[in-house]
Amino acid sequence: MTASAPGADGQSGRPPTAPHFSVAPEPETPEGYVAPGMPGAPVAGYRPAAPGERRRRNRTGAAVALAVLAMLAGAAAFGCAPARAEPTVGWLAIAPAAAVALPLGRLGGPGRLLPPLGAVLAAGALFLGQLLGQLRRLHHLAGTGYGELLRDALPLWRGDRRPLDLVFYGIALIGGFLLTRRAAARQ
């Protein structure tokens, strides 16, 4: 058994302390205030839309349309490169990827299907650019119209491919995917 402490009846042996008075006024809290960290407190960084404020619209269709236009423009620029620069122009495969990724990421937002679409469009820009370059060379050699040469250009394009072209397509695919995702994250 333990012995009872002196003053167990509520009285202690210490001298009484002076009452504490503050000169600061009591803080006023607004009605319905919930302290941070308590249940019901709003999440940090969350700002609900005001009644008159417009929410961001879904602009995926416009983003895809602009990305297709960028793909065609990138293919035209890639295919119209001078013939003497053709062996080194393949390293510029990242340029059509960036041109496609910018509208997809900025306008389309963080959609799950947009980065793979950016990769496919970037590789398509590279393919169309190489095909256009092949058509230009055939037109220069044969002197016939582009429409007649289109049938012959694809088998010649297949026969002209080097192993390094796979690297260029890999650059276009990876660049299109990653740049689209990065552009969407920087909104």
Protein backbone atom coordinates (compact mmCIF):
# COMPACT_ATOMS: atom_id res chain seq x y z
CA MET A 1 0.00 0.00 0.00
CA THR A 2 1.11 3.48 -0.61
CA ALA A 3 0.86 6.28 1.79
CA SER A 4 -1.38 9.14 0.89
CA ALA A 5 0.31 12.34 -0.19
CA PRO A 6 0.06 15.33 2.11
CA GLY A 7 -2.93 17.37 1.19
CA ALA A 8 -4.75 14.53 -0.62
CA ASP A 9 -7.98 16.18 0.28
CA GLY A 10 -7.30 18.88 -2.34
CA GLN A 11 -5.06 21.08 -0.27
CA SER A 12 -1.36 21.07 -1.09
CA GLY A 13 1.56 22.31 0.88
CA ARG A 14 2.60 24.82 -1.83
CA PRO A 15 1.81 28.48 -1.57
CA PRO A 16 -1.05 29.71 -3.74
CA THR A 17 -0.10 31.26 -7.09
CA ALA A 18 -1.25 34.58 -8.41
CA PRO A 19 -4.03 34.51 -10.97
CA HIS A 20 -2.84 35.08 -14.56
CA PHE A 21 -4.33 37.95 -16.53
CA SER A 22 -3.51 38.68 -20.19
CA VAL A 23 -3.56 42.09 -21.81
CA ALA A 24 -4.10 40.63 -25.29
CA PRO A 25 -7.71 40.47 -26.43
CA GLU A 26 -9.29 37.10 -27.04
CA PRO A 27 -8.94 36.18 -30.75
CA GLU A 28 -12.22 36.27 -32.58
CA THR A 29 -12.92 33.23 -34.69
CA PRO A 30 -15.42 33.39 -37.52
CA GLU A 31 -18.53 31.30 -37.33
CA GLY A 32 -17.89 27.79 -38.65
CA TYR A 33 -14.10 28.06 -38.35
CA VAL A 34 -12.26 24.74 -38.24
CA ALA A 35 -8.63 24.74 -37.19
CA PRO A 36 -6.12 23.35 -39.71
CA GLY A 37 -5.53 19.65 -39.26
CA MET A 38 -8.90 19.06 -37.65
CA PRO A 39 -11.64 17.00 -39.31
CA GLY A 40 -13.59 19.19 -41.68
CA ALA A 41 -10.69 21.57 -42.38
CA PRO A 42 -10.19 22.39 -46.06
CA VAL A 43 -7.27 20.77 -47.87
CA ALA A 44 -4.25 23.03 -48.38
CA GLY A 45 -4.17 24.52 -51.86
CA TYR A 46 -7.83 23.75 -52.56
CA ARG A 47 -9.83 26.68 -53.77
CA PRO A 48 -13.38 25.97 -54.85
CA ALA A 49 -14.58 27.77 -57.94
CA ALA A 50 -16.57 30.92 -57.29
CA PRO A 51 -20.10 30.96 -58.71
CA GLY A 52 -19.18 33.40 -61.52
CA GLU A 53 -15.83 31.79 -62.30
CA ARG A 54 -15.61 29.61 -65.44
CA ARG A 55 -14.07 26.22 -65.16
CA ARG A 56 -11.43 25.13 -67.64
CA ARG A 57 -13.03 23.57 -70.68
CA ASN A 58 -12.00 20.30 -72.18
CA ARG A 59 -9.97 21.23 -75.24
CA THR A 60 -8.77 17.78 -76.25
CA GLY A 61 -10.28 17.98 -79.73
CA ALA A 62 -8.51 21.25 -80.50
CA ALA A 63 -5.28 19.84 -79.08
CA VAL A 64 -5.45 16.76 -81.32
CA ALA A 65 -6.29 18.87 -84.39
CA LEU A 66 -3.34 21.19 -83.75
CA ALA A 67 -1.06 18.22 -83.11
CA VAL A 68 -2.04 16.67 -86.45
CA LEU A 69 -1.31 19.99 -88.17
CA ALA A 70 2.03 20.14 -86.36
CA MET A 71 2.73 16.58 -87.51
CA LEU A 72 2.10 17.55 -91.13
CA ALA A 73 4.19 20.71 -90.82
CA GLY A 74 7.02 18.76 -89.18
CA ALA A 75 6.86 16.13 -91.90
CA ALA A 76 7.01 18.83 -94.58
CA ALA A 77 10.00 20.47 -92.92
CA PHE A 78 11.72 17.11 -92.41
CA GLY A 79 11.03 15.95 -95.98
CA CYS A 80 12.09 19.20 -97.63
CA ALA A 81 15.55 19.19 -96.08
CA PRO A 82 18.30 19.56 -98.65
CA ALA A 83 19.53 16.28 -100.10
CA ARG A 84 23.12 16.96 -99.02
CA ALA A 85 21.99 17.20 -95.38
CA GLU A 86 19.92 14.01 -95.42
CA PRO A 87 22.40 11.71 -93.64
CA THR A 88 22.49 14.05 -90.63
CA VAL A 89 18.89 15.26 -90.67
CA GLY A 90 17.67 12.07 -88.97
CA TRP A 91 19.02 13.31 -85.67
CA LEU A 92 16.44 16.08 -85.83
CA ALA A 93 13.70 13.51 -85.16
CA ILE A 94 13.09 15.22 -81.83
CA ALA A 95 11.92 18.42 -83.57
CA PRO A 96 8.66 16.95 -84.96
CA ALA A 97 8.15 15.25 -81.59
CA ALA A 98 8.40 18.61 -79.83
CA ALA A 99 6.13 20.28 -82.40
CA VAL A 100 3.48 17.61 -81.82
CA ALA A 101 3.88 17.48 -78.04
CA LEU A 102 3.45 21.19 -77.38
CA PRO A 103 -0.21 21.53 -78.46
CA LEU A 104 -1.13 18.10 -77.10
CA GLY A 105 0.32 18.78 -73.66
CA ARG A 106 -0.61 22.44 -73.29
CA LEU A 107 -4.14 22.32 -74.67
CA GLY A 108 -5.06 18.72 -74.00
CA GLY A 109 -3.93 18.66 -70.39
CA PRO A 110 -3.02 15.59 -68.39
CA GLY A 111 -5.05 13.06 -70.36
CA ARG A 112 -3.96 9.43 -70.18
CA LEU A 113 -4.19 8.85 -73.93
CA LEU A 114 -2.42 12.00 -75.06
CA PRO A 115 1.23 10.94 -74.42
CA PRO A 116 0.86 7.72 -76.48
CA LEU A 117 -0.91 9.76 -79.17
CA GLY A 118 2.00 12.20 -79.11
CA ALA A 119 4.42 9.31 -79.62
CA VAL A 120 2.44 7.94 -82.57
CA LEU A 121 2.07 11.37 -84.20
CA ALA A 122 5.80 12.09 -83.77
CA ALA A 123 6.71 8.78 -85.43
CA GLY A 124 4.13 9.53 -88.14
CA ALA A 125 5.76 12.89 -88.79
CA LEU A 126 9.12 11.18 -89.16
CA PHE A 127 7.65 8.55 -91.52
CA LEU A 128 5.85 11.11 -93.68
CA GLY A 129 8.95 13.29 -93.77
CA GLN A 130 11.12 10.41 -94.95
CA LEU A 131 8.51 9.44 -97.52
CA LEU A 132 8.30 13.02 -98.78
CA GLY A 133 12.09 13.15 -99.07
CA GLN A 134 12.02 9.92 -101.09
CA LEU A 135 9.30 11.38 -103.35
CA ARG A 136 11.38 14.53 -103.90
CA ARG A 137 14.43 12.47 -104.91
CA LEU A 138 12.37 10.33 -107.30
CA HIS A 139 10.75 13.41 -108.80
CA HIS A 140 14.18 14.96 -109.33
CA LEU A 141 15.50 11.80 -111.01
CA ALA A 142 12.46 10.80 -113.09
CA GLY A 143 10.82 14.17 -113.68
CA THR A 144 7.29 12.69 -113.39
CA GLY A 145 4.51 13.90 -111.14
CA TYR A 146 4.30 13.16 -107.44
CA GLY A 147 1.03 11.24 -107.77
CA GLU A 148 2.57 8.73 -110.16
CA LEU A 149 5.64 8.33 -107.96
CA LEU A 150 3.73 7.71 -104.74
CA ARG A 151 3.14 4.08 -105.71
CA ASP A 152 6.87 3.51 -106.24
CA ALA A 153 8.07 5.53 -103.25
CA LEU A 154 6.98 3.16 -100.48
CA PRO A 155 8.91 0.07 -101.73
CA LEU A 156 11.96 2.26 -102.34
CA TRP A 157 11.58 3.75 -98.85
CA ARG A 158 11.55 0.24 -97.37
CA GLY A 159 14.64 -0.72 -99.33
CA ASP A 160 16.48 2.45 -98.28
CA ARG A 161 16.07 1.96 -94.53
CA ARG A 162 19.19 1.58 -92.43
CA PRO A 163 19.49 0.23 -88.87
CA LEU A 164 20.12 3.77 -87.68
CA ASP A 165 16.60 4.70 -88.79
CA LEU A 166 15.24 2.53 -85.99
CA VAL A 167 17.14 4.75 -83.57
CA PHE A 168 15.50 7.81 -85.11
CA TYR A 169 12.04 6.26 -84.76
CA GLY A 170 12.85 5.38 -81.17
CA ILE A 171 13.87 8.99 -80.55
CA ALA A 172 10.62 10.21 -82.10
CA LEU A 173 8.46 7.77 -80.11
CA ILE A 174 10.11 8.38 -76.75
CA GLY A 175 10.44 12.10 -77.36
CA GLY A 176 6.78 12.43 -78.38
CA PHE A 177 5.63 10.54 -75.29
CA LEU A 178 7.84 12.28 -72.74
CA LEU A 179 7.51 15.79 -74.17
CA THR A 180 3.71 15.52 -74.26
CA ARG A 181 3.65 14.38 -70.64
CA ARG A 182 6.06 17.14 -69.59
CA ALA A 183 4.11 19.84 -71.44
CA ALA A 184 0.91 18.70 -69.71
CA ALA A 185 2.62 18.86 -66.31
CA ARG A 186 3.76 22.46 -66.87
CA GLN A 187 0.28 23.90 -67.23
